[in-house]
Amino acid sequence: MVNPYRGEAELVVGGQVHVMRLTLGVLAELEAEMEADSLMDMVQRFETGGFSARDLVLLLKAGLRGGGCEVELDVDGGPIVAAQAAAKLLAVTFAVLE
């Protein structure tokens, strides 16, 4: 079970639920991999729909790494479900939950 208070989101790969989390270290790696000028530049790509398939894969893999899992991405539900999971991951990472 994911805990949004820890910034966790889930992704189903190969029928198995995986927990994703963007730790500070993983965010720094992702920022470099995406060649983003800043953390907010990276987030804005996703918020405005200006992200590439490569960006999506990098984000999901980073989230899985932060959640303690290394898997190949064959997301159940395809690219739309992958994009929805990525959006959820970013939302819980940068949300202030009460």
C-alpha atoms as a PDB file:
ATOM      1  CA  MET A   1       0.000   0.000   0.000  1.00  0.00           C
ATOM      2  CA  VAL A   2       1.366   3.403  -0.981  1.00  0.00           C
ATOM      3  CA  ASN A   3       1.667   6.258   1.477  1.00  0.00           C
ATOM      4  CA  PRO A   4       1.052   9.662  -0.153  1.00  0.00           C
ATOM      5  CA  TYR A   5       2.359  11.351   3.003  1.00  0.00           C
ATOM      6  CA  ARG A   6       5.781   9.898   2.110  1.00  0.00           C
ATOM      7  CA  GLY A   7       5.394  11.013  -1.518  1.00  0.00           C
ATOM      8  CA  GLU A   8       4.619   7.520  -2.785  1.00  0.00           C
ATOM      9  CA  ALA A   9       2.604   6.523  -5.846  1.00  0.00           C
ATOM     10  CA  GLU A  10       2.048   3.112  -7.399  1.00  0.00           C
ATOM     11  CA  LEU A  11       2.708   1.665 -10.829  1.00  0.00           C
ATOM     12  CA  VAL A  12       1.601  -1.763 -12.054  1.00  0.00           C
ATOM     13  CA  VAL A  13       4.239  -3.479 -14.179  1.00  0.00           C
ATOM     14  CA  GLY A  14       3.732  -7.030 -15.380  1.00  0.00           C
ATOM     15  CA  GLY A  15       0.747  -7.437 -13.078  1.00  0.00           C
ATOM     16  CA  GLN A  16       2.780  -6.502 -10.010  1.00  0.00           C
ATOM     17  CA  VAL A  17       2.249  -3.306  -8.002  1.00  0.00           C
ATOM     18  CA  HIS A  18       5.421  -1.285  -7.409  1.00  0.00           C
ATOM     19  CA  VAL A  19       5.838   1.702  -5.100  1.00  0.00           C
ATOM     20  CA  MET A  20       7.453   4.796  -6.605  1.00  0.00           C
ATOM     21  CA  ARG A  21       9.051   7.626  -4.659  1.00  0.00           C
ATOM     22  CA  LEU A  22      11.158  10.608  -5.717  1.00  0.00           C
ATOM     23  CA  THR A  23      13.831  11.083  -3.085  1.00  0.00           C
ATOM     24  CA  LEU A  24      16.062  14.144  -3.232  1.00  0.00           C
ATOM     25  CA  GLY A  25      18.952  12.097  -4.630  1.00  0.00           C
ATOM     26  CA  VAL A  26      16.749  10.524  -7.290  1.00  0.00           C
ATOM     27  CA  LEU A  27      15.372  13.963  -8.213  1.00  0.00           C
ATOM     28  CA  ALA A  28      18.907  15.275  -8.677  1.00  0.00           C
ATOM     29  CA  GLU A  29      19.756  12.335 -10.944  1.00  0.00           C
ATOM     30  CA  LEU A  30      16.525  12.789 -12.898  1.00  0.00           C
ATOM     31  CA  GLU A  31      17.158  16.501 -13.366  1.00  0.00           C
ATOM     32  CA  ALA A  32      20.564  15.682 -14.890  1.00  0.00           C
ATOM     33  CA  GLU A  33      19.207  12.839 -17.048  1.00  0.00           C
ATOM     34  CA  MET A  34      16.464  15.109 -18.413  1.00  0.00           C
ATOM     35  CA  GLU A  35      18.979  17.932 -18.936  1.00  0.00           C
ATOM     36  CA  ALA A  36      16.615  20.274 -17.104  1.00  0.00           C
ATOM     37  CA  ASP A  37      17.790  23.725 -16.052  1.00  0.00           C
ATOM     38  CA  SER A  38      16.055  23.378 -12.692  1.00  0.00           C
ATOM     39  CA  LEU A  39      13.715  21.189 -10.716  1.00  0.00           C
ATOM     40  CA  MET A  40      10.791  23.450 -11.576  1.00  0.00           C
ATOM     41  CA  ASP A  41      11.739  23.359 -15.272  1.00  0.00           C
ATOM     42  CA  MET A  42      11.507  19.585 -15.125  1.00  0.00           C
ATOM     43  CA  VAL A  43       8.125  19.619 -13.367  1.00  0.00           C
ATOM     44  CA  GLN A  44       6.792  22.243 -15.777  1.00  0.00           C
ATOM     45  CA  ARG A  45       7.470  19.928 -18.727  1.00  0.00           C
ATOM     46  CA  PHE A  46       4.996  17.482 -17.278  1.00  0.00           C
ATOM     47  CA  GLU A  47       2.461  20.064 -16.138  1.00  0.00           C
ATOM     48  CA  THR A  48       2.266  21.649 -19.598  1.00  0.00           C
ATOM     49  CA  GLY A  49       2.310  18.380 -21.534  1.00  0.00           C
ATOM     50  CA  GLY A  50       5.677  19.237 -23.085  1.00  0.00           C
ATOM     51  CA  PHE A  51       7.337  15.977 -22.079  1.00  0.00           C
ATOM     52  CA  SER A  52       8.686  13.291 -24.379  1.00  0.00           C
ATOM     53  CA  ALA A  53       8.332   9.522 -24.094  1.00  0.00           C
ATOM     54  CA  ARG A  54      11.972   9.520 -22.949  1.00  0.00           C
ATOM     55  CA  ASP A  55      11.113  11.991 -20.159  1.00  0.00           C
ATOM     56  CA  LEU A  56       8.231   9.765 -19.082  1.00  0.00           C
ATOM     57  CA  VAL A  57      10.411   6.656 -18.957  1.00  0.00           C
ATOM     58  CA  LEU A  58      13.138   8.507 -17.040  1.00  0.00           C
ATOM     59  CA  LEU A  59      10.614   9.792 -14.485  1.00  0.00           C
ATOM     60  CA  LEU A  60       8.997   6.409 -13.907  1.00  0.00           C
ATOM     61  CA  LYS A  61      12.341   4.620 -13.629  1.00  0.00           C
ATOM     62  CA  ALA A  62      13.548   7.275 -11.169  1.00  0.00           C
ATOM     63  CA  GLY A  63      10.398   6.823  -9.111  1.00  0.00           C
ATOM     64  CA  LEU A  64      10.856   3.068  -9.079  1.00  0.00           C
ATOM     65  CA  ARG A  65      14.518   3.465  -8.041  1.00  0.00           C
ATOM     66  CA  GLY A  66      13.464   5.782  -5.228  1.00  0.00           C
ATOM     67  CA  GLY A  67      10.928   3.179  -4.161  1.00  0.00           C
ATOM     68  CA  GLY A  68      13.649   0.524  -4.038  1.00  0.00           C
ATOM     69  CA  CYS A  69      12.860  -1.321  -7.267  1.00  0.00           C
ATOM     70  CA  GLU A  70      14.677  -1.788 -10.560  1.00  0.00           C
ATOM     71  CA  VAL A  71      12.391  -3.101 -13.313  1.00  0.00           C
ATOM     72  CA  GLU A  72      12.014  -2.890 -17.046  1.00  0.00           C
ATOM     73  CA  LEU A  73       8.998  -0.815 -17.965  1.00  0.00           C
ATOM     74  CA  ASP A  74       6.132  -2.662 -19.603  1.00  0.00           C
ATOM     75  CA  VAL A  75       3.398  -0.719 -17.852  1.00  0.00           C
ATOM     76  CA  ASP A  76       0.041  -2.428 -17.591  1.00  0.00           C
ATOM     77  CA  GLY A  77      -2.370  -0.136 -19.422  1.00  0.00           C
ATOM     78  CA  GLY A  78       0.219   1.390 -21.755  1.00  0.00           C
ATOM     79  CA  PRO A  79       1.451   4.953 -22.164  1.00  0.00           C
ATOM     80  CA  ILE A  80      -1.695   6.714 -20.928  1.00  0.00           C
ATOM     81  CA  VAL A  81      -1.624   4.798 -17.642  1.00  0.00           C
ATOM     82  CA  ALA A  82       2.125   5.454 -17.422  1.00  0.00           C
ATOM     83  CA  ALA A  83       1.550   9.197 -17.869  1.00  0.00           C
ATOM     84  CA  GLN A  84      -1.209   9.153 -15.235  1.00  0.00           C
ATOM     85  CA  ALA A  85       1.093   7.363 -12.785  1.00  0.00           C
ATOM     86  CA  ALA A  86       3.851   9.887 -13.500  1.00  0.00           C
ATOM     87  CA  ALA A  87       1.442  12.760 -12.867  1.00  0.00           C
ATOM     88  CA  LYS A  88       0.373  11.196  -9.571  1.00  0.00           C
ATOM     89  CA  LEU A  89       4.017  10.718  -8.570  1.00  0.00           C
ATOM     90  CA  LEU A  90       4.839  14.368  -9.214  1.00  0.00           C
ATOM     91  CA  ALA A  91       1.680  15.520  -7.444  1.00  0.00           C
ATOM     92  CA  VAL A  92       2.389  13.566  -4.248  1.00  0.00           C
ATOM     93  CA  THR A  93       6.066  14.491  -4.318  1.00  0.00           C
ATOM     94  CA  PHE A  94       5.412  18.222  -4.353  1.00  0.00           C
ATOM     95  CA  ALA A  95       2.102  18.354  -2.465  1.00  0.00           C
ATOM     96  CA  VAL A  96       1.761  19.506   1.102  1.00  0.00           C
ATOM     97  CA  LEU A  97      -0.684  16.978   2.562  1.00  0.00           C
ATOM     98  CA  GLU A  98      -2.443  17.694   5.807  1.00  0.00           C
END
